Amino acid sequence: MAKVTLQNIGHSYTAGAPIETWALKPFDMTWENGKTYSLVGPSGCGKTTLLNIVSGIVKPSQGRVFFDETDVTDLPTSRRNIAQVFQFPVIYQSMTVYDNLVFPLVCRKWSKERIATKVNDVAEVLGLGDRLKKTARSLNADDKQLISLGRGLVRDDVAALLMDEPLTVIDPQMKFHLRRKIKEINQQFGQTVVYVTHDQYEAMTFADDVLVMSNGRVVQSGSPEELFESPQNAYVGYFIGSPAMNFIDVSVSNLEITLGGKVLRTRNTLTGGVGGKIQIGIRPEYLSIARSGGENSIPATIVDISDFGSLRVLKVTIGGQIARLKVSREDGIPSSKEILLNFPAQKTLIYRDSQLLA
């Protein structure tokens, strides 16, 4: 396994194009040996371009790529010692499942005993143990992608395992199981894994660190907890979480935040000038209905209720602005539409011009 260092990496598919139009704007980053990383963002944000630069499919317009201390920027994919799993299955249709899984190991001259042990272990994890003798052509799309996943997972000698939306064609009910199993395999063998997805749930449940991308830039990277608890900007607050983070315009008086005529205590504070647009951000999970008035309790009106089984999402207005909160079924809904909302100070963040204040 290897540490992957991206040094001033940037790329444009059009020669001579200005940097602000590049598919991947220049940046620096290091992916540590043995950790799992997710690249997440909407289509066209630069995720696959970045993955293809690491794999060698794309040579960057500028910058260098290092595996440990070795500069691999000019090396072809075949010489980078990586394993790749793509969005759609890449397998040998005429081979059996077993032969597909064995093939990359035979090419590397593994012993028969080592091959048999590793292939059987991976096949068991992926639920392919009873289909090893079947030809790949005879299987459905889900099973074919499982074979493709297995071909990436059987190798424990790679510099990195790169996955580009590998669960897209997998049945939704299997996705959670497979994410967990892939993570277990990684924890066992210590692979450096980079996982591309547009699905925030896949990214958050799979990776040690998540890189949120937008318009060719990494707008924030960190653990799932850091992205959820402390979005560095409104884009991350909206992209991570469902429903998205609430952003509410507030007033400022003597460096104090006020909403609905009441002072709000917050986790971070205003200092110096108060220029720009000031908002508070709070997750729907942390808003709650106050049973009586008190500090950080603000009047609101319920305008809609969405039922999701174990919980309900309440849409409320606060001084003409929309916010949402999650309420468990056990807590119940007040009979009156007029309520008091509690804003926990440690979960209420201040943003200026959509950027989190330090």
Protein backbone atom coordinates (compact mmCIF):
# COMPACT_ATOMS: atom_id res chain seq x y z
CA MET A 1 0.00 0.00 0.00
CA ALA A 2 1.14 3.57 -0.52
CA LYS A 3 0.72 7.13 0.59
CA VAL A 4 -0.60 9.16 -2.35
CA THR A 5 0.59 12.76 -2.64
CA LEU A 6 -1.03 15.18 -5.08
CA GLN A 7 1.24 18.18 -5.61
CA ASN A 8 -0.30 21.25 -7.29
CA ILE A 9 -2.50 18.95 -9.39
CA GLY A 10 -4.82 20.55 -11.95
CA HIS A 11 -6.31 19.55 -15.29
CA SER A 12 -8.05 20.99 -18.32
CA TYR A 13 -9.39 19.00 -21.25
CA THR A 14 -8.94 22.09 -23.46
CA ALA A 15 -5.43 23.35 -24.17
CA GLY A 16 -4.87 26.99 -23.25
CA ALA A 17 -8.14 27.34 -21.33
CA PRO A 18 -8.11 29.77 -18.36
CA ILE A 19 -7.67 28.05 -14.98
CA GLU A 20 -11.11 29.09 -13.73
CA THR A 21 -12.64 26.84 -16.44
CA TRP A 22 -10.48 23.78 -15.73
CA ALA A 23 -12.18 20.49 -14.90
CA LEU A 24 -9.89 20.25 -11.85
CA LYS A 25 -8.49 23.43 -10.32
CA PRO A 26 -4.93 23.16 -8.92
CA PHE A 27 -4.65 21.90 -5.33
CA ASP A 28 -2.42 19.93 -2.95
CA MET A 29 -3.44 16.90 -0.92
CA THR A 30 -2.05 13.77 0.73
CA TRP A 31 -3.91 10.48 1.17
CA GLU A 32 -2.35 8.47 3.97
CA ASN A 33 -1.36 4.85 3.63
CA GLY A 34 -4.11 2.42 4.64
CA LYS A 35 -6.97 4.92 4.97
CA THR A 36 -10.23 5.09 3.01
CA TYR A 37 -11.25 8.25 1.15
CA SER A 38 -14.46 9.20 -0.65
CA LEU A 39 -14.72 11.81 -3.38
CA VAL A 40 -18.30 13.06 -3.39
CA GLY A 41 -20.14 15.70 -5.37
CA PRO A 42 -22.56 16.19 -8.27
CA SER A 43 -21.86 15.08 -11.84
CA GLY A 44 -19.17 17.15 -13.52
CA CYS A 45 -17.52 18.34 -10.30
CA GLY A 46 -14.14 16.71 -11.08
CA LYS A 47 -14.34 13.45 -9.08
CA THR A 48 -13.60 11.05 -11.92
CA THR A 49 -10.99 13.35 -13.44
CA LEU A 50 -9.11 13.28 -10.14
CA LEU A 51 -9.40 9.50 -9.87
CA ASN A 52 -8.19 9.08 -13.46
CA ILE A 53 -5.14 11.26 -12.75
CA VAL A 54 -4.22 9.03 -9.81
CA SER A 55 -4.70 5.90 -11.91
CA GLY A 56 -2.72 7.22 -14.89
CA ILE A 57 -5.62 7.25 -17.34
CA VAL A 58 -5.31 11.04 -17.48
CA LYS A 59 -2.04 12.98 -17.30
CA PRO A 60 -2.58 16.24 -15.38
CA SER A 61 -2.13 19.57 -17.12
CA GLN A 62 0.05 20.58 -14.20
CA GLY A 63 1.41 19.12 -10.97
CA ARG A 64 2.90 15.81 -9.87
CA VAL A 65 1.57 12.55 -8.41
CA PHE A 66 3.65 10.58 -5.89
CA PHE A 67 3.15 7.07 -4.51
CA ASP A 68 5.17 7.23 -1.31
CA GLU A 69 8.34 9.00 -2.52
CA THR A 70 8.12 7.81 -6.13
CA ASP A 71 6.98 10.27 -8.81
CA VAL A 72 4.49 8.31 -10.96
CA THR A 73 3.12 11.23 -12.98
CA ASP A 74 4.62 10.00 -16.25
CA LEU A 75 4.07 6.30 -15.61
CA PRO A 76 1.28 4.45 -17.45
CA THR A 77 -1.49 2.74 -15.51
CA SER A 78 0.11 -0.67 -16.03
CA ARG A 79 3.20 0.41 -14.06
CA ARG A 80 1.43 2.02 -11.11
CA ASN A 81 0.45 -1.22 -9.35
CA ILE A 82 -3.13 -0.18 -8.62
CA ALA A 83 -6.45 -2.02 -8.70
CA GLN A 84 -9.51 -0.37 -10.24
CA VAL A 85 -13.23 -1.04 -10.03
CA PHE A 86 -15.44 0.87 -12.44
CA GLN A 87 -19.11 1.83 -12.53
CA PHE A 88 -19.93 -1.05 -14.87
CA PRO A 89 -18.49 -4.58 -14.69
CA VAL A 90 -15.10 -5.19 -16.31
CA ILE A 91 -14.80 -8.98 -16.40
CA TYR A 92 -14.14 -11.89 -18.75
CA GLN A 93 -17.60 -13.13 -19.78
CA SER A 94 -16.44 -16.55 -20.97
CA MET A 95 -14.53 -17.33 -17.76
CA THR A 96 -15.98 -18.81 -14.60
CA VAL A 97 -16.36 -16.64 -11.53
CA TYR A 98 -13.38 -18.42 -9.98
CA ASP A 99 -11.15 -17.86 -13.01
CA ASN A 100 -12.09 -14.18 -13.11
CA LEU A 101 -11.06 -13.75 -9.49
CA VAL A 102 -7.92 -15.84 -9.92
CA PHE A 103 -6.68 -14.12 -13.07
CA PRO A 104 -4.96 -11.04 -11.55
CA LEU A 105 -3.26 -13.27 -8.97
CA VAL A 106 -2.01 -15.81 -11.51
CA CYS A 107 -0.53 -12.94 -13.53
CA ARG A 108 1.46 -12.00 -10.41
CA LYS A 109 2.63 -15.57 -9.89
CA TRP A 110 0.99 -16.10 -6.50
CA SER A 111 1.22 -19.66 -5.14
CA LYS A 112 -1.79 -21.92 -5.66
CA GLU A 113 -2.37 -22.17 -1.92
CA ARG A 114 -2.29 -18.40 -1.43
CA ILE A 115 -4.61 -17.88 -4.41
CA ALA A 116 -7.16 -20.44 -3.21
CA THR A 117 -7.28 -18.97 0.29
CA LYS A 118 -7.68 -15.35 -0.84
CA VAL A 119 -10.20 -16.07 -3.61
CA ASN A 120 -12.39 -18.20 -1.34
CA ASP A 121 -12.27 -15.55 1.40
CA VAL A 122 -13.30 -12.73 -0.95
CA ALA A 123 -15.93 -14.87 -2.69
CA GLU A 124 -17.48 -15.71 0.68
CA VAL A 125 -17.59 -12.05 1.70
CA LEU A 126 -19.28 -11.07 -1.57
CA GLY A 127 -21.73 -13.98 -1.52
CA LEU A 128 -20.24 -15.62 -4.60
CA GLY A 129 -19.07 -18.81 -2.93
CA ASP A 130 -21.79 -20.97 -4.46
CA ARG A 131 -21.27 -19.56 -7.98
CA LEU A 132 -17.53 -19.95 -8.41
CA LYS A 133 -17.93 -22.61 -11.11
CA LYS A 134 -20.51 -20.67 -13.13
CA THR A 135 -19.51 -18.63 -16.17
CA ALA A 136 -19.75 -14.86 -15.75
CA ARG A 137 -21.99 -14.64 -18.83
CA SER A 138 -24.72 -16.64 -17.09
CA LEU A 139 -25.01 -14.22 -14.13
CA ASN A 140 -27.11 -11.09 -13.67
CA ALA A 141 -25.77 -7.53 -13.62
CA ASP A 142 -25.49 -7.45 -9.80
CA ASP A 143 -23.36 -10.61 -9.69
CA LYS A 144 -21.16 -9.43 -12.56
CA GLN A 145 -20.35 -6.25 -10.65
CA LEU A 146 -19.63 -8.35 -7.57
CA ILE A 147 -17.04 -10.21 -9.64
CA SER A 148 -15.55 -6.88 -10.70
CA LEU A 149 -15.39 -5.81 -7.06
CA GLY A 150 -13.79 -9.13 -6.17
CA ARG A 151 -11.07 -8.68 -8.79
CA GLY A 152 -10.10 -5.46 -7.04
CA LEU A 153 -10.33 -6.84 -3.53
CA VAL A 154 -8.35 -10.07 -4.02
CA ARG A 155 -5.10 -8.17 -4.45
CA ASP A 156 -3.40 -7.11 -1.24
CA ASP A 157 -0.16 -5.93 -2.89
CA VAL A 158 -1.49 -2.82 -4.63
CA ALA A 159 -0.41 0.79 -4.03
CA ALA A 160 -4.08 1.82 -3.95
CA LEU A 161 -7.55 0.50 -4.73
CA LEU A 162 -9.54 2.98 -6.82
CA MET A 163 -13.33 2.65 -7.09
CA ASP A 164 -15.45 4.76 -9.46
CA GLU A 165 -19.13 4.47 -8.37
CA PRO A 166 -18.79 0.69 -8.03
CA LEU A 167 -22.25 0.09 -6.52
CA THR A 168 -24.32 1.96 -9.11
CA VAL A 169 -25.68 -1.20 -10.72
CA ILE A 170 -26.02 -3.12 -7.45
CA ASP A 171 -29.49 -3.79 -6.03
CA PRO A 172 -30.23 -1.06 -3.42
CA GLN A 173 -30.86 -3.63 -0.68
CA MET A 174 -27.33 -5.02 -1.15
CA LYS A 175 -25.51 -1.68 -1.10
CA PHE A 176 -25.34 -1.25 2.65
CA HIS A 177 -24.11 -4.82 3.12
CA LEU A 178 -21.40 -4.44 0.47
CA ARG A 179 -20.16 -1.06 1.75
CA ARG A 180 -19.75 -2.59 5.17
CA LYS A 181 -17.98 -5.67 3.80
CA ILE A 182 -15.60 -3.62 1.63
CA LYS A 183 -14.73 -1.54 4.67
CA GLU A 184 -14.12 -4.68 6.74
CA ILE A 185 -11.79 -6.07 4.07
CA ASN A 186 -9.91 -2.78 3.96
CA GLN A 187 -9.54 -2.76 7.74
CA GLN A 188 -8.18 -6.30 7.59
CA PHE A 189 -5.65 -5.73 4.80
CA GLY A 190 -4.91 -2.00 5.27
CA GLN A 191 -5.45 -0.93 1.66
CA THR A 192 -5.40 2.72 0.59
CA VAL A 193 -8.87 3.06 -0.94
CA VAL A 194 -10.25 6.00 -2.95
CA TYR A 195 -13.98 5.74 -3.60
CA VAL A 196 -15.85 8.03 -6.01
CA THR A 197 -19.59 8.52 -5.56
CA HIS A 198 -22.33 11.13 -5.99
CA ASP A 199 -24.19 9.60 -3.03
CA GLN A 200 -23.46 11.32 0.29
CA TYR A 201 -24.65 8.27 2.25
CA GLU A 202 -22.15 6.01 0.50
CA ALA A 203 -19.39 8.53 1.14
CA MET A 204 -20.24 9.11 4.80
CA THR A 205 -20.72 5.44 5.73
CA PHE A 206 -17.67 4.16 3.86
CA ALA A 207 -14.75 6.55 4.28
CA ASP A 208 -12.38 7.70 7.00
CA ASP A 209 -12.15 11.04 5.20
CA VAL A 210 -14.62 12.58 2.75
CA LEU A 211 -13.69 15.13 0.08
CA VAL A 212 -16.67 17.24 -1.00
CA MET A 213 -16.13 18.61 -4.52
CA SER A 214 -17.82 21.36 -6.51
CA ASN A 215 -16.93 22.85 -9.89
CA GLY A 216 -13.49 21.26 -9.96
CA ARG A 217 -12.52 22.20 -6.41
CA VAL A 218 -12.27 20.35 -3.11
CA VAL A 219 -14.43 22.65 -0.98
CA GLN A 220 -13.92 20.71 2.26
CA SER A 221 -12.26 17.50 3.39
CA GLY A 222 -12.51 15.80 6.73
CA SER A 223 -14.13 12.99 8.67
CA PRO A 224 -17.87 12.39 8.24
CA GLU A 225 -18.38 13.87 11.71
CA GLU A 226 -16.46 17.05 10.82
CA LEU A 227 -18.47 17.58 7.64
CA PHE A 228 -21.74 17.06 9.47
CA GLU A 229 -20.97 19.07 12.60
CA SER A 230 -18.88 21.89 11.10
CA PRO A 231 -19.59 22.53 7.39
CA GLN A 232 -17.08 25.15 6.31
CA ASN A 233 -19.56 26.73 3.90
CA ALA A 234 -23.20 26.64 2.90
CA TYR A 235 -22.48 24.35 -0.05
CA VAL A 236 -21.27 21.55 2.25
CA GLY A 237 -24.12 22.25 4.69
CA TYR A 238 -26.65 21.81 1.90
CA PHE A 239 -24.92 18.84 0.23
CA ILE A 240 -24.31 16.77 3.37
CA GLY A 241 -27.36 15.76 5.36
CA SER A 242 -31.02 15.15 4.59
CA PRO A 243 -32.86 17.39 5.00
CA ALA A 244 -30.08 19.89 4.39
CA MET A 245 -28.72 22.21 7.04
CA ASN A 246 -30.93 25.19 7.86
CA PHE A 247 -29.46 28.59 7.01
CA ILE A 248 -31.40 31.48 8.52
CA ASP A 249 -30.77 35.21 8.13
CA VAL A 250 -30.25 36.97 11.45
CA SER A 251 -29.75 40.50 12.75
CA VAL A 252 -26.65 41.77 14.54
CA SER A 253 -26.59 44.21 17.41
CA ASN A 254 -23.44 44.95 19.42
CA LEU A 255 -21.83 41.80 18.00
CA GLU A 256 -24.78 39.71 19.25
CA ILE A 257 -26.94 37.55 17.00
CA THR A 258 -30.67 38.14 17.24
CA LEU A 259 -33.55 36.20 15.69
CA GLY A 260 -37.20 36.98 16.22
CA GLY A 261 -36.19 39.79 18.55
CA LYS A 262 -34.27 37.43 20.88
CA VAL A 263 -30.53 37.10 21.39
CA LEU A 264 -29.14 33.73 20.29
CA ARG A 265 -26.14 32.10 21.92
CA THR A 266 -23.98 30.28 19.38
CA ARG A 267 -20.95 27.98 19.25
CA ASN A 268 -18.79 30.54 17.45
CA THR A 269 -18.92 34.31 17.88
CA LEU A 270 -18.75 37.50 15.89
CA THR A 271 -15.60 39.56 16.23
CA GLY A 272 -14.55 42.84 14.65
CA GLY A 273 -16.67 44.16 11.79
CA VAL A 274 -20.05 42.72 10.90
CA GLY A 275 -20.00 43.32 7.17
CA GLY A 276 -21.45 40.80 4.74
CA LYS A 277 -24.51 38.59 5.00
CA ILE A 278 -24.78 37.02 8.45
CA GLN A 279 -26.68 33.76 8.92
CA ILE A 280 -26.91 30.98 11.44
CA GLY A 281 -26.67 27.35 10.40
CA ILE A 282 -28.18 24.46 12.32
CA ARG A 283 -28.96 20.86 11.41
CA PRO A 284 -32.62 19.70 11.44
CA GLU A 285 -31.50 16.98 13.86
CA TYR A 286 -30.61 19.57 16.51
CA LEU A 287 -33.66 21.80 16.43
CA SER A 288 -36.35 20.76 18.89
CA ILE A 289 -39.73 21.92 20.13
CA ALA A 290 -39.41 23.76 23.45
CA ARG A 291 -42.13 23.04 25.99
CA SER A 292 -41.62 26.44 27.63
CA GLY A 293 -39.81 29.67 26.86
CA GLY A 294 -36.17 30.14 27.72
CA GLU A 295 -32.78 31.04 26.30
CA ASN A 296 -32.47 30.29 22.56
CA SER A 297 -36.23 29.54 22.23
CA ILE A 298 -37.70 31.28 19.19
CA PRO A 299 -41.39 31.44 18.08
CA ALA A 300 -42.17 29.50 14.88
CA THR A 301 -45.17 28.24 12.93
CA ILE A 302 -45.63 24.70 11.56
CA VAL A 303 -46.62 24.84 7.87
CA ASP A 304 -46.10 21.21 6.77
CA ILE A 305 -45.40 17.73 8.16
CA SER A 306 -43.73 14.89 6.23
CA ASP A 307 -44.04 11.40 7.68
CA PHE A 308 -41.03 9.06 7.31
CA GLY A 309 -42.17 6.26 9.58
CA SER A 310 -39.92 6.43 12.61
CA LEU A 311 -39.63 10.20 12.36
CA ARG A 312 -41.41 13.22 10.97
CA VAL A 313 -39.90 16.26 9.32
CA LEU A 314 -41.58 19.51 10.27
CA LYS A 315 -41.40 22.48 7.93
CA VAL A 316 -41.72 25.71 9.92
CA THR A 317 -41.50 29.44 9.34
CA ILE A 318 -39.46 31.74 11.54
CA GLY A 319 -40.04 35.39 10.75
CA GLY A 320 -40.97 34.50 7.18
CA GLN A 321 -38.00 32.13 6.69
CA ILE A 322 -38.24 28.38 6.19
CA ALA A 323 -36.54 25.84 8.47
CA ARG A 324 -36.91 22.11 9.03
CA LEU A 325 -36.53 19.89 12.06
CA LYS A 326 -36.73 16.17 12.72
CA VAL A 327 -39.14 14.87 15.37
CA SER A 328 -39.26 11.22 16.47
CA ARG A 329 -42.66 9.57 16.35
CA GLU A 330 -42.51 8.93 20.09
CA ASP A 331 -42.20 12.67 20.82
CA GLY A 332 -45.41 13.50 18.98
CA ILE A 333 -46.52 16.75 17.32
CA PRO A 334 -48.06 19.69 19.23
CA SER A 335 -51.75 20.30 18.58
CA SER A 336 -51.07 23.99 17.92
CA LYS A 337 -49.22 25.21 14.83
CA GLU A 338 -47.63 27.96 16.91
CA ILE A 339 -44.57 26.56 18.67
CA LEU A 340 -41.28 27.52 20.27
CA LEU A 341 -38.10 26.19 18.67
CA ASN A 342 -35.03 25.50 20.76
CA PHE A 343 -31.63 26.29 19.17
CA PRO A 344 -28.88 24.49 21.17
CA ALA A 345 -26.01 26.97 21.41
CA GLN A 346 -23.28 24.39 20.71
CA LYS A 347 -25.03 23.27 17.51
CA THR A 348 -25.82 26.77 16.21
CA LEU A 349 -23.11 28.16 13.91
CA ILE A 350 -22.52 31.64 12.49
CA TYR A 351 -21.78 32.10 8.77
CA ARG A 352 -20.69 35.24 6.97
CA ASP A 353 -21.33 35.30 3.22
CA SER A 354 -21.90 31.52 3.34
CA GLN A 355 -18.54 30.83 5.06
CA LEU A 356 -18.23 29.48 8.59
CA LEU A 357 -16.68 31.97 10.98
CA ALA A 358 -13.65 30.71 12.86
